[in-house]
Amino acid sequence: MSTEHITQRYVEVTAEALPLFCPTPSISLWSAHPRVAIPVAKLGEATCPYCGTVYRFKGERPHGH
């Protein structure tokens, strides 16, 4: 598994990555800013307020209970 750098600005995620938090454990500087929930499943696309990384949901969104 490769590590991403905090400078990456665009990340596609699938349902397997939910719930999504930034920074993710795969980022080499995972402690670069406070951990924050990213509501990408609800919105389809969301931006981290700290580092500006844009997360886009790819695939079918999970259904409610």
Protein backbone atom coordinates (compact mmCIF):
# COMPACT_ATOMS: atom_id res chain seq x y z
CA MET A 1 0.00 0.00 0.00
CA SER A 2 1.44 3.33 -1.01
CA THR A 3 1.25 6.39 1.15
CA GLU A 4 -0.21 9.67 -0.01
CA HIS A 5 1.32 13.02 0.80
CA ILE A 6 -0.64 15.77 2.47
CA THR A 7 -0.12 17.89 -0.66
CA GLN A 8 -2.51 15.69 -2.62
CA ARG A 9 -5.62 17.73 -3.37
CA TYR A 10 -8.06 15.18 -4.87
CA VAL A 11 -8.99 11.74 -3.54
CA GLU A 12 -11.70 9.37 -4.80
CA VAL A 13 -13.21 7.19 -2.10
CA THR A 14 -15.65 4.27 -2.09
CA ALA A 15 -18.06 2.92 0.50
CA GLU A 16 -15.23 0.83 1.96
CA ALA A 17 -13.54 4.05 3.21
CA LEU A 18 -16.58 5.18 5.21
CA PRO A 19 -16.82 6.76 7.67
CA LEU A 20 -14.20 9.06 6.21
CA PHE A 21 -11.83 11.18 8.26
CA CYS A 22 -9.02 13.48 7.19
CA PRO A 23 -6.16 13.01 7.46
CA THR A 24 -6.38 9.33 6.58
CA PRO A 25 -3.92 6.79 8.02
CA SER A 26 -2.37 6.35 4.55
CA ILE A 27 -1.14 9.95 4.50
CA SER A 28 2.53 10.08 5.39
CA LEU A 29 1.99 13.03 7.74
CA TRP A 30 -1.19 11.66 9.34
CA SER A 31 -0.83 14.04 12.27
CA ALA A 32 -0.54 17.14 10.08
CA HIS A 33 -3.83 18.58 11.35
CA PRO A 34 -6.67 17.61 13.71
CA ARG A 35 -8.76 14.64 12.62
CA VAL A 36 -12.04 15.80 11.07
CA ALA A 37 -15.03 13.87 9.71
CA ILE A 38 -15.64 14.37 5.99
CA PRO A 39 -19.34 13.98 4.97
CA VAL A 40 -18.54 12.72 1.49
CA ALA A 41 -21.23 9.99 1.46
CA LYS A 42 -23.98 12.53 2.13
CA LEU A 43 -22.73 15.27 -0.19
CA GLY A 44 -20.94 13.30 -2.92
CA GLU A 45 -17.99 15.68 -2.63
CA ALA A 46 -16.51 17.40 0.39
CA THR A 47 -13.41 19.44 1.17
CA CYS A 48 -11.27 19.17 4.28
CA PRO A 49 -11.42 22.52 6.08
CA TYR A 50 -7.79 22.20 7.24
CA CYS A 51 -5.76 21.02 4.25
CA GLY A 52 -8.16 21.65 1.36
CA THR A 53 -8.10 18.07 0.07
CA VAL A 54 -11.19 17.37 -2.02
CA TYR A 55 -12.80 13.98 -1.46
CA ARG A 56 -15.17 12.64 -4.11
CA PHE A 57 -17.36 9.62 -3.57
CA LYS A 58 -17.12 7.04 -6.34
CA GLY A 59 -19.72 4.33 -6.83
CA GLU A 60 -23.10 3.70 -5.29
CA ARG A 61 -23.80 5.56 -2.08
CA PRO A 62 -24.73 3.46 0.95
CA HIS A 63 -28.43 3.21 1.74
CA GLY A 64 -29.95 4.03 5.13
CA HIS A 65 -31.21 1.45 7.58
